[in-house]
Amino acid sequence: MASSYDFFTSGDHEAAKALVGNALTAEGFTVTTNPDGSYHAVRGSTAATVLWGGLAGKKLHMSFDAQFFVDDKGQLVVRLVRDLGVSALKGGAIGASKTAAAFEATSHAVGSALTNAGALVSSVAN
């Protein structure tokens, strides 16, 4: 499974960033903007995850980051990233598996939002 996805976009960079934020919110994440302009997306409960581990269900705590940069062609690149170690520490093998599945679904949602808006040029799993 991928630990990050790069989405190469065309068009207005701020509009693409807004699409990414909206897609993350639609997937149930609370999105905050970091000082460098990247997004930090969180859902679930840390307390429930510590208490129940991978059995926390929809309260399983997970977080992803969306980083933004411009490539040599002037395209905005959106890099959706997950931390591979944190989910295993908090939720064990079950938590790691559920986080991986949620990351794949979230990546698909971001890609679909960009595609539906006509902004996605290409994407790469890393």
N, C-alpha and C. Protein backbone atom coordinates (compact mmCIF):
# COMPACT_ATOMS: atom_id res chain seq x y z
N MET A 1 0.83 -1.18 0.00
CA MET A 1 0.00 0.00 0.00
C MET A 1 0.87 1.24 0.00
N ALA A 2 0.38 2.28 -0.64
CA ALA A 2 1.13 3.53 -0.75
C ALA A 2 1.15 4.27 0.58
N SER A 3 2.24 4.99 0.81
CA SER A 3 2.33 5.85 1.98
C SER A 3 2.08 7.30 1.59
N SER A 4 2.06 7.58 0.28
CA SER A 4 1.71 8.91 -0.19
C SER A 4 1.21 8.84 -1.63
N TYR A 5 0.48 9.85 -2.00
CA TYR A 5 0.02 10.02 -3.38
C TYR A 5 0.33 11.44 -3.80
N ASP A 6 0.82 11.60 -5.02
CA ASP A 6 1.03 12.91 -5.61
C ASP A 6 -0.04 13.13 -6.67
N PHE A 7 -0.74 14.25 -6.56
CA PHE A 7 -1.75 14.64 -7.53
C PHE A 7 -1.25 15.89 -8.24
N PHE A 8 -1.08 15.82 -9.55
CA PHE A 8 -0.61 16.94 -10.35
C PHE A 8 -1.83 17.63 -10.93
N THR A 9 -1.93 18.94 -10.67
CA THR A 9 -3.14 19.66 -11.04
C THR A 9 -2.85 20.76 -12.06
N SER A 10 -3.90 21.17 -12.72
CA SER A 10 -3.82 22.31 -13.63
C SER A 10 -4.82 23.36 -13.13
N GLY A 11 -4.66 24.56 -13.62
CA GLY A 11 -5.60 25.61 -13.24
C GLY A 11 -5.18 26.35 -11.98
N ASP A 12 -6.14 27.01 -11.39
CA ASP A 12 -5.91 27.85 -10.22
C ASP A 12 -5.46 27.03 -9.01
N HIS A 13 -4.33 27.40 -8.46
CA HIS A 13 -3.78 26.64 -7.33
C HIS A 13 -4.65 26.73 -6.08
N GLU A 14 -5.17 27.91 -5.80
CA GLU A 14 -6.01 28.06 -4.60
C GLU A 14 -7.31 27.27 -4.72
N ALA A 15 -7.86 27.22 -5.94
CA ALA A 15 -9.08 26.43 -6.16
C ALA A 15 -8.80 24.95 -5.94
N ALA A 16 -7.65 24.47 -6.40
CA ALA A 16 -7.29 23.06 -6.20
C ALA A 16 -7.11 22.76 -4.71
N LYS A 17 -6.48 23.66 -3.99
CA LYS A 17 -6.30 23.47 -2.54
C LYS A 17 -7.66 23.39 -1.85
N ALA A 18 -8.58 24.26 -2.27
CA ALA A 18 -9.93 24.24 -1.68
C ALA A 18 -10.63 22.91 -1.97
N LEU A 19 -10.47 22.39 -3.18
CA LEU A 19 -11.06 21.09 -3.52
C LEU A 19 -10.52 19.99 -2.62
N VAL A 20 -9.21 20.02 -2.37
CA VAL A 20 -8.60 19.02 -1.50
C VAL A 20 -9.16 19.14 -0.08
N GLY A 21 -9.23 20.35 0.44
CA GLY A 21 -9.78 20.55 1.78
C GLY A 21 -11.22 20.07 1.89
N ASN A 22 -12.02 20.37 0.87
CA ASN A 22 -13.42 19.93 0.87
C ASN A 22 -13.54 18.41 0.80
N ALA A 23 -12.67 17.78 0.01
CA ALA A 23 -12.70 16.31 -0.10
C ALA A 23 -12.33 15.67 1.24
N LEU A 24 -11.33 16.23 1.92
CA LEU A 24 -10.95 15.69 3.23
C LEU A 24 -12.07 15.86 4.24
N THR A 25 -12.71 17.01 4.22
CA THR A 25 -13.83 17.26 5.13
C THR A 25 -14.98 16.30 4.85
N ALA A 26 -15.25 16.06 3.57
CA ALA A 26 -16.33 15.14 3.19
C ALA A 26 -16.04 13.72 3.67
N GLU A 27 -14.76 13.38 3.83
CA GLU A 27 -14.38 12.05 4.32
C GLU A 27 -14.40 11.99 5.86
N GLY A 28 -14.85 13.05 6.51
CA GLY A 28 -15.01 13.05 7.96
C GLY A 28 -13.83 13.62 8.73
N PHE A 29 -12.89 14.24 8.04
CA PHE A 29 -11.71 14.80 8.70
C PHE A 29 -11.95 16.25 9.10
N THR A 30 -11.35 16.64 10.19
CA THR A 30 -11.25 18.05 10.56
C THR A 30 -9.93 18.53 9.99
N VAL A 31 -9.99 19.58 9.20
CA VAL A 31 -8.80 20.06 8.49
C VAL A 31 -8.33 21.37 9.08
N THR A 32 -7.05 21.43 9.41
CA THR A 32 -6.43 22.67 9.85
C THR A 32 -5.30 23.02 8.88
N THR A 33 -5.06 24.30 8.76
CA THR A 33 -3.99 24.76 7.89
C THR A 33 -2.76 25.04 8.73
N ASN A 34 -1.64 24.45 8.35
CA ASN A 34 -0.37 24.67 9.03
C ASN A 34 0.24 26.00 8.58
N PRO A 35 1.20 26.52 9.36
CA PRO A 35 1.83 27.79 8.98
C PRO A 35 2.45 27.79 7.58
N ASP A 36 2.90 26.63 7.10
CA ASP A 36 3.50 26.57 5.76
C ASP A 36 2.46 26.42 4.64
N GLY A 37 1.17 26.42 5.00
CA GLY A 37 0.10 26.30 4.01
C GLY A 37 -0.38 24.89 3.77
N SER A 38 0.31 23.90 4.32
CA SER A 38 -0.14 22.51 4.16
C SER A 38 -1.35 22.27 5.06
N TYR A 39 -2.04 21.16 4.82
CA TYR A 39 -3.21 20.80 5.63
C TYR A 39 -2.87 19.62 6.53
N HIS A 40 -3.44 19.64 7.72
CA HIS A 40 -3.37 18.50 8.62
C HIS A 40 -4.81 18.06 8.84
N ALA A 41 -5.12 16.81 8.47
CA ALA A 41 -6.48 16.28 8.55
C ALA A 41 -6.54 15.18 9.61
N VAL A 42 -7.50 15.31 10.54
CA VAL A 42 -7.62 14.38 11.66
C VAL A 42 -9.07 13.93 11.80
N ARG A 43 -9.25 12.65 12.11
CA ARG A 43 -10.58 12.17 12.49
C ARG A 43 -10.42 11.08 13.55
N GLY A 44 -11.47 10.86 14.29
CA GLY A 44 -11.45 9.84 15.34
C GLY A 44 -11.07 10.42 16.68
N SER A 45 -10.91 9.54 17.64
CA SER A 45 -10.62 9.92 19.02
C SER A 45 -9.35 9.24 19.50
N THR A 46 -8.41 10.05 19.97
CA THR A 46 -7.18 9.48 20.52
C THR A 46 -7.49 8.62 21.73
N ALA A 47 -8.38 9.10 22.59
CA ALA A 47 -8.72 8.36 23.81
C ALA A 47 -9.33 7.00 23.48
N ALA A 48 -10.28 6.97 22.55
CA ALA A 48 -10.91 5.71 22.16
C ALA A 48 -9.90 4.76 21.53
N THR A 49 -8.98 5.31 20.77
CA THR A 49 -7.98 4.47 20.11
C THR A 49 -7.01 3.89 21.12
N VAL A 50 -6.60 4.69 22.10
CA VAL A 50 -5.71 4.18 23.14
C VAL A 50 -6.42 3.11 23.97
N LEU A 51 -7.69 3.35 24.27
CA LEU A 51 -8.46 2.42 25.09
C LEU A 51 -8.80 1.14 24.33
N TRP A 52 -9.27 1.26 23.10
CA TRP A 52 -9.79 0.11 22.36
C TRP A 52 -8.87 -0.36 21.23
N GLY A 53 -7.85 0.41 20.91
CA GLY A 53 -6.95 0.03 19.83
C GLY A 53 -7.67 -0.03 18.50
N GLY A 54 -7.34 -1.01 17.71
CA GLY A 54 -7.93 -1.17 16.38
C GLY A 54 -9.40 -1.49 16.41
N LEU A 55 -9.95 -1.76 17.58
CA LEU A 55 -11.38 -2.07 17.71
C LEU A 55 -12.20 -0.82 18.02
N ALA A 56 -11.60 0.36 17.89
CA ALA A 56 -12.29 1.62 18.18
C ALA A 56 -13.33 1.97 17.13
N GLY A 57 -13.40 1.19 16.07
CA GLY A 57 -14.41 1.43 15.03
C GLY A 57 -14.24 2.78 14.38
N LYS A 58 -15.35 3.51 14.21
CA LYS A 58 -15.31 4.81 13.55
C LYS A 58 -14.57 5.85 14.38
N LYS A 59 -14.28 5.54 15.62
CA LYS A 59 -13.55 6.47 16.48
C LYS A 59 -12.04 6.23 16.42
N LEU A 60 -11.59 5.31 15.56
CA LEU A 60 -10.16 5.06 15.40
C LEU A 60 -9.49 6.35 14.95
N HIS A 61 -8.54 6.82 15.73
CA HIS A 61 -7.85 8.08 15.44
C HIS A 61 -6.86 7.89 14.30
N MET A 62 -6.91 8.81 13.34
CA MET A 62 -5.95 8.79 12.24
C MET A 62 -5.75 10.22 11.76
N SER A 63 -4.60 10.45 11.18
CA SER A 63 -4.34 11.77 10.62
C SER A 63 -3.51 11.63 9.35
N PHE A 64 -3.81 12.50 8.42
CA PHE A 64 -3.09 12.57 7.15
C PHE A 64 -2.69 14.02 6.92
N ASP A 65 -1.69 14.22 6.07
CA ASP A 65 -1.26 15.57 5.72
C ASP A 65 -1.35 15.76 4.22
N ALA A 66 -1.72 16.95 3.82
CA ALA A 66 -1.70 17.34 2.41
C ALA A 66 -0.68 18.46 2.27
N GLN A 67 0.36 18.17 1.52
CA GLN A 67 1.42 19.15 1.28
C GLN A 67 1.25 19.68 -0.13
N PHE A 68 1.61 20.94 -0.32
CA PHE A 68 1.45 21.58 -1.62
C PHE A 68 2.77 22.17 -2.08
N PHE A 69 3.11 21.94 -3.34
CA PHE A 69 4.27 22.59 -3.93
C PHE A 69 4.06 22.67 -5.44
N VAL A 70 4.87 23.51 -6.07
CA VAL A 70 4.75 23.71 -7.51
C VAL A 70 5.92 23.02 -8.20
N ASP A 71 5.63 22.23 -9.24
CA ASP A 71 6.69 21.53 -9.97
C ASP A 71 7.32 22.44 -11.03
N ASP A 72 8.26 21.93 -11.77
CA ASP A 72 8.98 22.72 -12.77
C ASP A 72 8.11 23.12 -13.97
N LYS A 73 6.92 22.54 -14.07
CA LYS A 73 5.98 22.91 -15.14
C LYS A 73 4.97 23.95 -14.67
N GLY A 74 5.08 24.35 -13.40
CA GLY A 74 4.14 25.32 -12.84
C GLY A 74 2.85 24.71 -12.32
N GLN A 75 2.78 23.38 -12.31
CA GLN A 75 1.59 22.70 -11.81
C GLN A 75 1.65 22.60 -10.29
N LEU A 76 0.50 22.79 -9.67
CA LEU A 76 0.42 22.53 -8.23
C LEU A 76 0.45 21.02 -8.03
N VAL A 77 1.31 20.57 -7.13
CA VAL A 77 1.37 19.16 -6.76
C VAL A 77 0.81 19.05 -5.36
N VAL A 78 -0.17 18.18 -5.20
CA VAL A 78 -0.76 17.90 -3.89
C VAL A 78 -0.22 16.54 -3.46
N ARG A 79 0.49 16.52 -2.36
CA ARG A 79 1.02 15.25 -1.84
C ARG A 79 0.23 14.89 -0.59
N LEU A 80 -0.55 13.83 -0.69
CA LEU A 80 -1.29 13.31 0.46
C LEU A 80 -0.42 12.25 1.12
N VAL A 81 -0.16 12.42 2.43
CA VAL A 81 0.82 11.60 3.14
C VAL A 81 0.19 11.03 4.41
N ARG A 82 0.60 9.80 4.72
CA ARG A 82 0.21 9.20 5.99
C ARG A 82 1.48 8.74 6.70
N ASP A 83 1.43 8.71 8.02
CA ASP A 83 2.56 8.24 8.82
C ASP A 83 2.36 6.75 9.06
N LEU A 84 3.25 5.95 8.52
CA LEU A 84 3.08 4.49 8.59
C LEU A 84 3.21 3.94 10.01
N GLY A 85 3.99 4.54 10.86
CA GLY A 85 4.24 3.99 12.19
C GLY A 85 3.22 4.33 13.24
N VAL A 86 2.61 5.50 13.15
CA VAL A 86 1.72 5.97 14.21
C VAL A 86 0.49 5.09 14.36
N SER A 87 -0.13 4.68 13.26
CA SER A 87 -1.36 3.87 13.36
C SER A 87 -1.06 2.51 13.98
N ALA A 88 0.09 1.96 13.70
CA ALA A 88 0.44 0.67 14.28
C ALA A 88 0.69 0.81 15.78
N LEU A 89 1.28 1.91 16.19
CA LEU A 89 1.53 2.12 17.61
C LEU A 89 0.23 2.30 18.39
N LYS A 90 -0.72 3.03 17.81
CA LYS A 90 -1.96 3.32 18.52
C LYS A 90 -2.99 2.22 18.39
N GLY A 91 -3.08 1.60 17.23
CA GLY A 91 -4.16 0.65 17.01
C GLY A 91 -3.71 -0.76 16.70
N GLY A 92 -2.42 -1.03 16.80
CA GLY A 92 -1.91 -2.36 16.51
C GLY A 92 -2.09 -2.71 15.05
N ALA A 93 -2.02 -3.99 14.75
CA ALA A 93 -2.14 -4.45 13.36
C ALA A 93 -3.51 -4.12 12.77
N ILE A 94 -4.55 -4.23 13.59
CA ILE A 94 -5.90 -3.92 13.11
C ILE A 94 -6.00 -2.44 12.77
N GLY A 95 -5.47 -1.60 13.66
CA GLY A 95 -5.50 -0.15 13.42
C GLY A 95 -4.71 0.23 12.18
N ALA A 96 -3.55 -0.40 11.99
CA ALA A 96 -2.73 -0.11 10.81
C ALA A 96 -3.48 -0.49 9.54
N SER A 97 -4.16 -1.63 9.56
CA SER A 97 -4.91 -2.08 8.40
C SER A 97 -6.08 -1.14 8.10
N LYS A 98 -6.80 -0.73 9.14
CA LYS A 98 -7.94 0.16 8.95
C LYS A 98 -7.49 1.54 8.48
N THR A 99 -6.36 2.01 9.00
CA THR A 99 -5.83 3.30 8.58
C THR A 99 -5.40 3.24 7.11
N ALA A 100 -4.79 2.13 6.71
CA ALA A 100 -4.37 1.96 5.32
C ALA A 100 -5.59 1.99 4.39
N ALA A 101 -6.65 1.31 4.78
CA ALA A 101 -7.87 1.30 3.97
C ALA A 101 -8.49 2.70 3.89
N ALA A 102 -8.49 3.41 5.02
CA ALA A 102 -9.04 4.77 5.04
C ALA A 102 -8.19 5.70 4.19
N PHE A 103 -6.87 5.50 4.20
CA PHE A 103 -5.98 6.33 3.39
C PHE A 103 -6.25 6.11 1.91
N GLU A 104 -6.45 4.86 1.51
CA GLU A 104 -6.76 4.57 0.11
C GLU A 104 -8.08 5.21 -0.30
N ALA A 105 -9.09 5.11 0.57
CA ALA A 105 -10.39 5.70 0.27
C ALA A 105 -10.29 7.23 0.21
N THR A 106 -9.52 7.81 1.11
CA THR A 106 -9.35 9.26 1.13
C THR A 106 -8.60 9.73 -0.11
N SER A 107 -7.57 8.99 -0.50
CA SER A 107 -6.82 9.33 -1.71
C SER A 107 -7.72 9.28 -2.93
N HIS A 108 -8.57 8.27 -2.98
CA HIS A 108 -9.51 8.15 -4.08
C HIS A 108 -10.48 9.35 -4.09
N ALA A 109 -10.95 9.75 -2.91
CA ALA A 109 -11.87 10.88 -2.82
C ALA A 109 -11.21 12.18 -3.29
N VAL A 110 -9.95 12.39 -2.91
CA VAL A 110 -9.23 13.58 -3.35
C VAL A 110 -9.05 13.54 -4.87
N GLY A 111 -8.63 12.41 -5.40
CA GLY A 111 -8.46 12.27 -6.84
C GLY A 111 -9.77 12.48 -7.60
N SER A 112 -10.85 11.95 -7.07
CA SER A 112 -12.16 12.11 -7.71
C SER A 112 -12.61 13.57 -7.69
N ALA A 113 -12.39 14.26 -6.58
CA ALA A 113 -12.77 15.68 -6.50
C ALA A 113 -12.00 16.50 -7.52
N LEU A 114 -10.71 16.24 -7.64
CA LEU A 114 -9.89 16.97 -8.61
C LEU A 114 -10.29 16.61 -10.05
N THR A 115 -10.59 15.34 -10.29
CA THR A 115 -11.02 14.90 -11.62
C THR A 115 -12.35 15.54 -12.01
N ASN A 116 -13.31 15.49 -11.08
CA ASN A 116 -14.65 16.04 -11.36
C ASN A 116 -14.61 17.54 -11.65
N ALA A 117 -13.62 18.23 -11.08
CA ALA A 117 -13.47 19.67 -11.33
C ALA A 117 -12.64 19.95 -12.57
N GLY A 118 -12.13 18.90 -13.22
CA GLY A 118 -11.30 19.08 -14.40
C GLY A 118 -9.90 19.58 -14.08
N ALA A 119 -9.45 19.39 -12.84
CA ALA A 119 -8.16 19.92 -12.42
C ALA A 119 -7.05 18.88 -12.36
N LEU A 120 -7.39 17.59 -12.39
CA LEU A 120 -6.37 16.55 -12.25
C LEU A 120 -5.69 16.27 -13.59
N VAL A 121 -4.35 16.38 -13.60
CA VAL A 121 -3.57 16.07 -14.78
C VAL A 121 -3.12 14.63 -14.70
N SER A 122 -2.55 14.23 -13.54
CA SER A 122 -2.10 12.85 -13.33
C SER A 122 -1.89 12.64 -11.84
N SER A 123 -1.68 11.38 -11.47
CA SER A 123 -1.40 11.06 -10.06
C SER A 123 -0.42 9.89 -10.01
N VAL A 124 0.32 9.84 -8.90
CA VAL A 124 1.33 8.80 -8.71
C VAL A 124 1.27 8.34 -7.26
N ALA A 125 1.25 7.01 -7.07
CA ALA A 125 1.34 6.45 -5.73
C ALA A 125 2.81 6.26 -5.38
N ASN A 126 3.17 6.62 -4.17
CA ASN A 126 4.56 6.46 -3.71
C ASN A 126 4.61 5.50 -2.55
